[in-house]
């Protein structure tokens, strides 16, 4: 594995680790948009790395892509017994 691919892997993992706790705590709120641009600027990484992190969150069912709004936090689906 080349050094460049290792750095890229690390960057999208960094983005994922920053974004995931916010989606679990429902920040920016249920159905709130996660901005690729703002997240990339905040983490000082490319939007591509942020996009890869968001794909992981989509696969974990924590976020979903809305074609009009971009990526949004999914509403929590709690079982109430």
PDB file of N, CA and C in Angstrom:
ATOM      1  N   UNK A   1       0.846  -1.170   0.000  1.00  0.00           N
ATOM      2  CA  UNK A   1       0.000   0.000   0.000  1.00  0.00           C
ATOM      3  C   UNK A   1       0.894   1.237   0.000  1.00  0.00           C
ATOM      4  N   UNK A   2       0.548   2.192  -0.860  1.00  0.00           N
ATOM      5  CA  UNK A   2       1.371   3.393  -0.946  1.00  0.00           C
ATOM      6  C   UNK A   2       1.049   4.355   0.193  1.00  0.00           C
ATOM      7  N   UNK A   3       1.992   5.234   0.448  1.00  0.00           N
ATOM      8  CA  UNK A   3       1.808   6.230   1.504  1.00  0.00           C
ATOM      9  C   UNK A   3       0.609   7.113   1.207  1.00  0.00           C
ATOM     10  N   UNK A   4       0.411   7.482  -0.061  1.00  0.00           N
ATOM     11  CA  UNK A   4      -0.700   8.344  -0.440  1.00  0.00           C
ATOM     12  C   UNK A   4      -2.042   7.675  -0.133  1.00  0.00           C
ATOM     13  N   UNK A   5      -2.193   6.403  -0.456  1.00  0.00           N
ATOM     14  CA  UNK A   5      -3.470   5.736  -0.168  1.00  0.00           C
ATOM     15  C   UNK A   5      -3.687   5.606   1.333  1.00  0.00           C
ATOM     16  N   UNK A   6      -2.620   5.442   2.104  1.00  0.00           N
ATOM     17  CA  UNK A   6      -2.748   5.379   3.561  1.00  0.00           C
ATOM     18  C   UNK A   6      -3.227   6.711   4.113  1.00  0.00           C
ATOM     19  N   UNK A   7      -2.693   7.802   3.591  1.00  0.00           N
ATOM     20  CA  UNK A   7      -3.111   9.137   4.028  1.00  0.00           C
ATOM     21  C   UNK A   7      -4.579   9.358   3.683  1.00  0.00           C
ATOM     22  N   UNK A   8      -5.002   8.994   2.474  1.00  0.00           N
ATOM     23  CA  UNK A   8      -6.394   9.155   2.076  1.00  0.00           C
ATOM     24  C   UNK A   8      -7.309   8.351   2.984  1.00  0.00           C
ATOM     25  N   UNK A   9      -6.929   7.100   3.272  1.00  0.00           N
ATOM     26  CA  UNK A   9      -7.738   6.268   4.159  1.00  0.00           C
ATOM     27  C   UNK A   9      -7.866   6.928   5.527  1.00  0.00           C
ATOM     28  N   UNK A  10      -6.790   7.472   6.020  1.00  0.00           N
ATOM     29  CA  UNK A  10      -6.802   8.116   7.322  1.00  0.00           C
ATOM     30  C   UNK A  10      -7.717   9.340   7.323  1.00  0.00           C
ATOM     31  N   UNK A  11      -7.716  10.114   6.253  1.00  0.00           N
ATOM     32  CA  UNK A  11      -8.521  11.330   6.199  1.00  0.00           C
ATOM     33  C   UNK A  11     -10.011  11.029   6.198  1.00  0.00           C
ATOM     34  N   UNK A  12     -10.441  10.031   5.448  1.00  0.00           N
ATOM     35  CA  UNK A  12     -11.880   9.766   5.455  1.00  0.00           C
ATOM     36  C   UNK A  12     -12.303   9.118   6.770  1.00  0.00           C
ATOM     37  N   UNK A  13     -11.409   8.383   7.410  1.00  0.00           N
ATOM     38  CA  UNK A  13     -11.704   7.825   8.740  1.00  0.00           C
ATOM     39  C   UNK A  13     -11.809   8.964   9.749  1.00  0.00           C
ATOM     40  N   UNK A  14     -10.930   9.950   9.643  1.00  0.00           N
ATOM     41  CA  UNK A  14     -10.992  11.128  10.525  1.00  0.00           C
ATOM     42  C   UNK A  14     -12.339  11.828  10.372  1.00  0.00           C
ATOM     43  N   UNK A  15     -12.761  12.021   9.128  1.00  0.00           N
ATOM     44  CA  UNK A  15     -14.050  12.670   8.876  1.00  0.00           C
ATOM     45  C   UNK A  15     -15.182  11.840   9.467  1.00  0.00           C
ATOM     46  N   UNK A  16     -15.155  10.552   9.253  1.00  0.00           N
ATOM     47  CA  UNK A  16     -16.177   9.646   9.789  1.00  0.00           C
ATOM     48  C   UNK A  16     -16.232   9.741  11.318  1.00  0.00           C
ATOM     49  N   UNK A  17     -15.073   9.737  11.960  1.00  0.00           N
ATOM     50  CA  UNK A  17     -15.027   9.790  13.426  1.00  0.00           C
ATOM     51  C   UNK A  17     -15.537  11.126  13.971  1.00  0.00           C
ATOM     52  N   UNK A  18     -15.426  12.187  13.202  1.00  0.00           N
ATOM     53  CA  UNK A  18     -15.946  13.490  13.617  1.00  0.00           C
ATOM     54  C   UNK A  18     -17.457  13.587  13.396  1.00  0.00           C
ATOM     55  N   UNK A  19     -17.925  13.046  12.280  1.00  0.00           N
ATOM     56  CA  UNK A  19     -19.322  13.202  11.900  1.00  0.00           C
ATOM     57  C   UNK A  19     -20.230  12.235  12.651  1.00  0.00           C
ATOM     58  N   UNK A  20     -19.800  11.005  12.865  1.00  0.00           N
ATOM     59  CA  UNK A  20     -20.664   9.988  13.463  1.00  0.00           C
ATOM     60  C   UNK A  20     -21.239  10.382  14.825  1.00  0.00           C
ATOM     61  N   UNK A  21     -20.429  10.851  15.783  1.00  0.00           N
ATOM     62  CA  UNK A  21     -21.023  11.222  17.077  1.00  0.00           C
ATOM     63  C   UNK A  21     -22.085  12.313  16.960  1.00  0.00           C
ATOM     64  N   UNK A  22     -21.897  13.219  16.013  1.00  0.00           N
ATOM     65  CA  UNK A  22     -22.879  14.286  15.820  1.00  0.00           C
ATOM     66  C   UNK A  22     -24.189  13.733  15.276  1.00  0.00           C
ATOM     67  N   UNK A  23     -24.122  12.717  14.415  1.00  0.00           N
ATOM     68  CA  UNK A  23     -25.359  12.145  13.885  1.00  0.00           C
ATOM     69  C   UNK A  23     -26.060  11.319  14.955  1.00  0.00           C
ATOM     70  N   UNK A  24     -25.308  10.637  15.803  1.00  0.00           N
ATOM     71  CA  UNK A  24     -25.909   9.844  16.868  1.00  0.00           C
ATOM     72  C   UNK A  24     -26.605  10.753  17.878  1.00  0.00           C
ATOM     73  N   UNK A  25     -26.015  11.882  18.172  1.00  0.00           N
ATOM     74  CA  UNK A  25     -26.607  12.850  19.114  1.00  0.00           C
ATOM     75  C   UNK A  25     -27.652  13.727  18.428  1.00  0.00           C
ATOM     76  N   UNK A  26     -27.919  13.422  17.157  1.00  0.00           N
ATOM     77  CA  UNK A  26     -28.898  14.153  16.350  1.00  0.00           C
ATOM     78  C   UNK A  26     -28.562  15.633  16.210  1.00  0.00           C
ATOM     79  N   UNK A  27     -27.282  15.912  16.032  1.00  0.00           N
ATOM     80  CA  UNK A  27     -26.855  17.259  15.653  1.00  0.00           C
ATOM     81  C   UNK A  27     -26.428  17.128  14.206  1.00  0.00           C
ATOM     82  N   UNK A  28     -26.934  17.784  13.320  1.00  0.00           N
ATOM     83  CA  UNK A  28     -27.717  19.008  13.322  1.00  0.00           C
ATOM     84  C   UNK A  28     -29.218  18.809  13.527  1.00  0.00           C
ATOM     85  N   UNK A  29     -29.636  17.745  14.103  1.00  0.00           N
ATOM     86  CA  UNK A  29     -31.048  17.481  14.376  1.00  0.00           C
ATOM     87  C   UNK A  29     -31.605  16.485  13.383  1.00  0.00           C
ATOM     88  N   UNK A  30     -32.682  15.791  13.775  1.00  0.00           N
ATOM     89  CA  UNK A  30     -33.271  14.842  12.838  1.00  0.00           C
ATOM     90  C   UNK A  30     -33.683  15.555  11.561  1.00  0.00           C
ATOM     91  N   UNK A  31     -33.370  14.950  10.473  1.00  0.00           N
ATOM     92  CA  UNK A  31     -33.634  15.489   9.137  1.00  0.00           C
ATOM     93  C   UNK A  31     -32.802  16.728   8.846  1.00  0.00           C
ATOM     94  N   UNK A  32     -31.803  17.003   9.698  1.00  0.00           N
ATOM     95  CA  UNK A  32     -30.910  18.131   9.467  1.00  0.00           C
ATOM     96  C   UNK A  32     -29.862  17.774   8.428  1.00  0.00           C
ATOM     97  N   UNK A  33     -29.513  18.725   7.626  1.00  0.00           N
ATOM     98  CA  UNK A  33     -28.551  18.522   6.542  1.00  0.00           C
ATOM     99  C   UNK A  33     -27.127  18.514   7.078  1.00  0.00           C
ATOM    100  N   UNK A  34     -26.325  17.616   6.550  1.00  0.00           N
ATOM    101  CA  UNK A  34     -24.891  17.600   6.830  1.00  0.00           C
ATOM    102  C   UNK A  34     -24.211  18.210   5.605  1.00  0.00           C
ATOM    103  N   UNK A  35     -23.585  19.348   5.786  1.00  0.00           N
ATOM    104  CA  UNK A  35     -22.947  20.050   4.678  1.00  0.00           C
ATOM    105  C   UNK A  35     -21.565  19.487   4.397  1.00  0.00           C
ATOM    106  N   UNK A  36     -21.381  19.002   3.168  1.00  0.00           N
ATOM    107  CA  UNK A  36     -20.059  18.509   2.765  1.00  0.00           C
ATOM    108  C   UNK A  36     -19.040  19.643   2.792  1.00  0.00           C
ATOM    109  N   UNK A  37     -19.439  20.801   2.275  1.00  0.00           N
ATOM    110  CA  UNK A  37     -18.511  21.938   2.213  1.00  0.00           C
ATOM    111  C   UNK A  37     -18.082  22.401   3.598  1.00  0.00           C
ATOM    112  N   UNK A  38     -19.046  22.598   4.494  1.00  0.00           N
ATOM    113  CA  UNK A  38     -18.718  23.071   5.840  1.00  0.00           C
ATOM    114  C   UNK A  38     -17.880  22.049   6.603  1.00  0.00           C
ATOM    115  N   UNK A  39     -18.221  20.779   6.460  1.00  0.00           N
ATOM    116  CA  UNK A  39     -17.478  19.726   7.160  1.00  0.00           C
ATOM    117  C   UNK A  39     -16.053  19.650   6.636  1.00  0.00           C
ATOM    118  N   UNK A  40     -15.890  19.731   5.329  1.00  0.00           N
ATOM    119  CA  UNK A  40     -14.552  19.691   4.734  1.00  0.00           C
ATOM    120  C   UNK A  40     -13.709  20.877   5.195  1.00  0.00           C
ATOM    121  N   UNK A  41     -14.331  22.043   5.236  1.00  0.00           N
ATOM    122  CA  UNK A  41     -13.612  23.245   5.673  1.00  0.00           C
ATOM    123  C   UNK A  41     -13.219  23.117   7.149  1.00  0.00           C
ATOM    124  N   UNK A  42     -14.152  22.660   7.981  1.00  0.00           N
ATOM    125  CA  UNK A  42     -13.896  22.502   9.418  1.00  0.00           C
ATOM    126  C   UNK A  42     -12.772  21.500   9.682  1.00  0.00           C
ATOM    127  N   UNK A  43     -12.784  20.379   8.961  1.00  0.00           N
ATOM    128  CA  UNK A  43     -11.769  19.336   9.173  1.00  0.00           C
ATOM    129  C   UNK A  43     -10.495  19.573   8.365  1.00  0.00           C
ATOM    130  N   UNK A  44     -10.550  20.565   7.465  1.00  0.00           N
ATOM    131  CA  UNK A  44      -9.402  20.889   6.606  1.00  0.00           C
ATOM    132  C   UNK A  44      -8.993  19.693   5.747  1.00  0.00           C
ATOM    133  N   UNK A  45     -10.018  19.077   5.144  1.00  0.00           N
ATOM    134  CA  UNK A  45      -9.787  17.967   4.214  1.00  0.00           C
ATOM    135  C   UNK A  45     -10.678  18.182   2.998  1.00  0.00           C
ATOM    136  N   UNK A  46     -10.510  17.348   1.987  1.00  0.00           N
ATOM    137  CA  UNK A  46     -11.292  17.510   0.760  1.00  0.00           C
ATOM    138  C   UNK A  46     -12.723  17.017   0.933  1.00  0.00           C
ATOM    139  N   UNK A  47     -13.604  17.531   0.080  1.00  0.00           N
ATOM    140  CA  UNK A  47     -14.993  17.074   0.083  1.00  0.00           C
ATOM    141  C   UNK A  47     -15.085  15.595  -0.268  1.00  0.00           C
ATOM    142  N   UNK A  48     -14.153  15.106  -1.060  1.00  0.00           N
ATOM    143  CA  UNK A  48     -14.154  13.686  -1.422  1.00  0.00           C
ATOM    144  C   UNK A  48     -14.027  12.816  -0.177  1.00  0.00           C
ATOM    145  N   UNK A  49     -13.153  13.201   0.734  1.00  0.00           N
ATOM    146  CA  UNK A  49     -12.982  12.433   1.975  1.00  0.00           C
ATOM    147  C   UNK A  49     -14.240  12.503   2.834  1.00  0.00           C
ATOM    148  N   UNK A  50     -14.872  13.681   2.859  1.00  0.00           N
ATOM    149  CA  UNK A  50     -16.121  13.837   3.615  1.00  0.00           C
ATOM    150  C   UNK A  50     -17.196  12.963   2.980  1.00  0.00           C
ATOM    151  N   UNK A  51     -17.274  12.965   1.662  1.00  0.00           N
ATOM    152  CA  UNK A  51     -18.257  12.141   0.957  1.00  0.00           C
ATOM    153  C   UNK A  51     -18.085  10.667   1.278  1.00  0.00           C
ATOM    154  N   UNK A  52     -16.846  10.197   1.324  1.00  0.00           N
ATOM    155  CA  UNK A  52     -16.577   8.795   1.672  1.00  0.00           C
ATOM    156  C   UNK A  52     -17.044   8.493   3.095  1.00  0.00           C
ATOM    157  N   UNK A  53     -16.817   9.414   4.009  1.00  0.00           N
ATOM    158  CA  UNK A  53     -17.264   9.229   5.393  1.00  0.00           C
ATOM    159  C   UNK A  53     -18.788   9.190   5.455  1.00  0.00           C
ATOM    160  N   UNK A  54     -19.443  10.051   4.693  1.00  0.00           N
ATOM    161  CA  UNK A  54     -20.899  10.074   4.687  1.00  0.00           C
ATOM    162  C   UNK A  54     -21.480   8.794   4.097  1.00  0.00           C
ATOM    163  N   UNK A  55     -20.791   8.203   3.134  1.00  0.00           N
ATOM    164  CA  UNK A  55     -21.237   6.918   2.587  1.00  0.00           C
ATOM    165  C   UNK A  55     -21.234   5.831   3.662  1.00  0.00           C
ATOM    166  N   UNK A  56     -20.238   5.857   4.518  1.00  0.00           N
ATOM    167  CA  UNK A  56     -20.192   4.887   5.622  1.00  0.00           C
ATOM    168  C   UNK A  56     -21.396   5.099   6.536  1.00  0.00           C
ATOM    169  N   UNK A  57     -21.694   6.361   6.864  1.00  0.00           N
ATOM    170  CA  UNK A  57     -22.841   6.663   7.720  1.00  0.00           C
ATOM    171  C   UNK A  57     -24.152   6.248   7.062  1.00  0.00           C
ATOM    172  N   UNK A  58     -24.237   6.397   5.751  1.00  0.00           N
ATOM    173  CA  UNK A  58     -25.428   5.934   5.039  1.00  0.00           C
ATOM    174  C   UNK A  58     -25.556   4.414   5.138  1.00  0.00           C
ATOM    175  N   UNK A  59     -24.446   3.716   4.989  1.00  0.00           N
ATOM    176  CA  UNK A  59     -24.463   2.253   5.106  1.00  0.00           C
ATOM    177  C   UNK A  59     -24.841   1.807   6.512  1.00  0.00           C
ATOM    178  N   UNK A  60     -24.508   2.610   7.517  1.00  0.00           N
ATOM    179  CA  UNK A  60     -24.860   2.298   8.907  1.00  0.00           C
ATOM    180  C   UNK A  60     -26.279   2.756   9.250  1.00  0.00           C
ATOM    181  N   UNK A  61     -26.982   3.314   8.270  1.00  0.00           N
ATOM    182  CA  UNK A  61     -28.366   3.791   8.437  1.00  0.00           C
ATOM    183  C   UNK A  61     -28.479   4.964   9.415  1.00  0.00           C
ATOM    184  N   UNK A  62     -27.411   5.743   9.572  1.00  0.00           N
ATOM    185  CA  UNK A  62     -27.425   6.929  10.422  1.00  0.00           C
ATOM    186  C   UNK A  62     -27.732   8.195   9.627  1.00  0.00           C
ATOM    187  N   UNK A  63     -27.543   8.115   8.325  1.00  0.00           N
ATOM    188  CA  UNK A  63     -27.805   9.250   7.444  1.00  0.00           C
ATOM    189  C   UNK A  63     -28.374   8.704   6.145  1.00  0.00           C
ATOM    190  N   UNK A  64     -28.997   9.583   5.397  1.00  0.00           N
ATOM    191  CA  UNK A  64     -29.513   9.172   4.096  1.00  0.00           C
ATOM    192  C   UNK A  64     -29.380  10.315   3.108  1.00  0.00           C
ATOM    193  N   UNK A  65     -29.244   9.948   1.848  1.00  0.00           N
ATOM    194  CA  UNK A  65     -29.104  10.957   0.798  1.00  0.00           C
ATOM    195  C   UNK A  65     -30.496  11.358   0.324  1.00  0.00           C
ATOM    196  N   UNK A  66     -30.764  12.641   0.391  1.00  0.00           N
ATOM    197  CA  UNK A  66     -32.004  13.226  -0.109  1.00  0.00           C
ATOM    198  C   UNK A  66     -31.606  14.012  -1.350  1.00  0.00           C
ATOM    199  N   UNK A  67     -32.153  13.655  -2.483  1.00  0.00           N
ATOM    200  CA  UNK A  67     -31.710  14.255  -3.746  1.00  0.00           C
ATOM    201  C   UNK A  67     -31.958  15.759  -3.824  1.00  0.00           C
ATOM    202  N   UNK A  68     -32.850  16.290  -3.022  1.00  0.00           N
ATOM    203  CA  UNK A  68     -33.082  17.736  -3.016  1.00  0.00           C
ATOM    204  C   UNK A  68     -32.203  18.450  -2.001  1.00  0.00           C
ATOM    205  N   UNK A  69     -31.901  17.793  -0.879  1.00  0.00           N
ATOM    206  CA  UNK A  69     -31.215  18.468   0.222  1.00  0.00           C
ATOM    207  C   UNK A  69     -29.784  18.003   0.452  1.00  0.00           C
ATOM    208  N   UNK A  70     -29.380  16.892  -0.103  1.00  0.00           N
ATOM    209  CA  UNK A  70     -28.049  16.339   0.162  1.00  0.00           C
ATOM    210  C   UNK A  70     -28.149  15.241   1.199  1.00  0.00           C
ATOM    211  N   UNK A  71     -27.166  15.135   2.071  1.00  0.00           N
ATOM    212  CA  UNK A  71     -27.153  14.094   3.098  1.00  0.00           C
ATOM    213  C   UNK A  71     -27.790  14.645   4.362  1.00  0.00           C
ATOM    214  N   UNK A  72     -28.737  13.891   4.906  1.00  0.00           N
ATOM    215  CA  UNK A  72     -29.432  14.322   6.110  1.00  0.00           C
ATOM    216  C   UNK A  72     -29.358  13.231   7.170  1.00  0.00           C
ATOM    217  N   UNK A  73     -29.430  13.661   8.423  1.00  0.00           N
ATOM    218  CA  UNK A  73     -29.440  12.739   9.557  1.00  0.00           C
ATOM    219  C   UNK A  73     -30.790  12.041   9.576  1.00  0.00           C
ATOM    220  N   UNK A  74     -30.761  10.716   9.732  1.00  0.00           N
ATOM    221  CA  UNK A  74     -32.023   9.972   9.818  1.00  0.00           C
ATOM    222  C   UNK A  74     -32.643  10.159  11.195  1.00  0.00           C
ATOM    223  N   UNK A  75     -33.950  10.154  11.223  1.00  0.00           N
ATOM    224  CA  UNK A  75     -34.653  10.248  12.490  1.00  0.00           C
ATOM    225  C   UNK A  75     -34.459   8.953  13.260  1.00  0.00           C
ATOM    226  N   UNK A  76     -34.279   9.082  14.571  1.00  0.00           N
ATOM    227  CA  UNK A  76     -34.107   7.904  15.412  1.00  0.00           C
ATOM    228  C   UNK A  76     -35.408   7.109  15.410  1.00  0.00           C
ATOM    229  N   UNK A  77     -35.270   5.797  15.356  1.00  0.00           N
ATOM    230  CA  UNK A  77     -36.436   4.921  15.371  1.00  0.00           C
ATOM    231  C   UNK A  77     -36.317   4.058  16.621  1.00  0.00           C
ATOM    232  N   UNK A  78     -36.807   4.585  17.725  1.00  0.00           N
ATOM    233  CA  UNK A  78     -36.692   3.892  18.988  1.00  0.00           C
ATOM    234  C   UNK A  78     -37.905   3.014  19.203  1.00  0.00           C
ATOM    235  N   UNK A  79     -37.675   1.813  19.710  1.00  0.00           N
ATOM    236  CA  UNK A  79     -38.795   0.943  20.109  1.00  0.00           C
ATOM    237  C   UNK A  79     -39.223   1.338  21.495  1.00  0.00           C
ATOM    238  N   UNK A  80     -40.468   1.707  21.639  1.00  0.00           N
ATOM    239  CA  UNK A  80     -40.967   2.117  22.955  1.00  0.00           C
ATOM    240  C   UNK A  80     -41.857   1.021  23.478  1.00  0.00           C
ATOM    241  N   UNK A  81     -41.419   0.381  24.529  1.00  0.00           N
ATOM    242  CA  UNK A  81     -42.202  -0.706  25.117  1.00  0.00           C
ATOM    243  C   UNK A  81     -42.886  -0.262  26.355  1.00  0.00           C
TER     244      UNK A  81
END
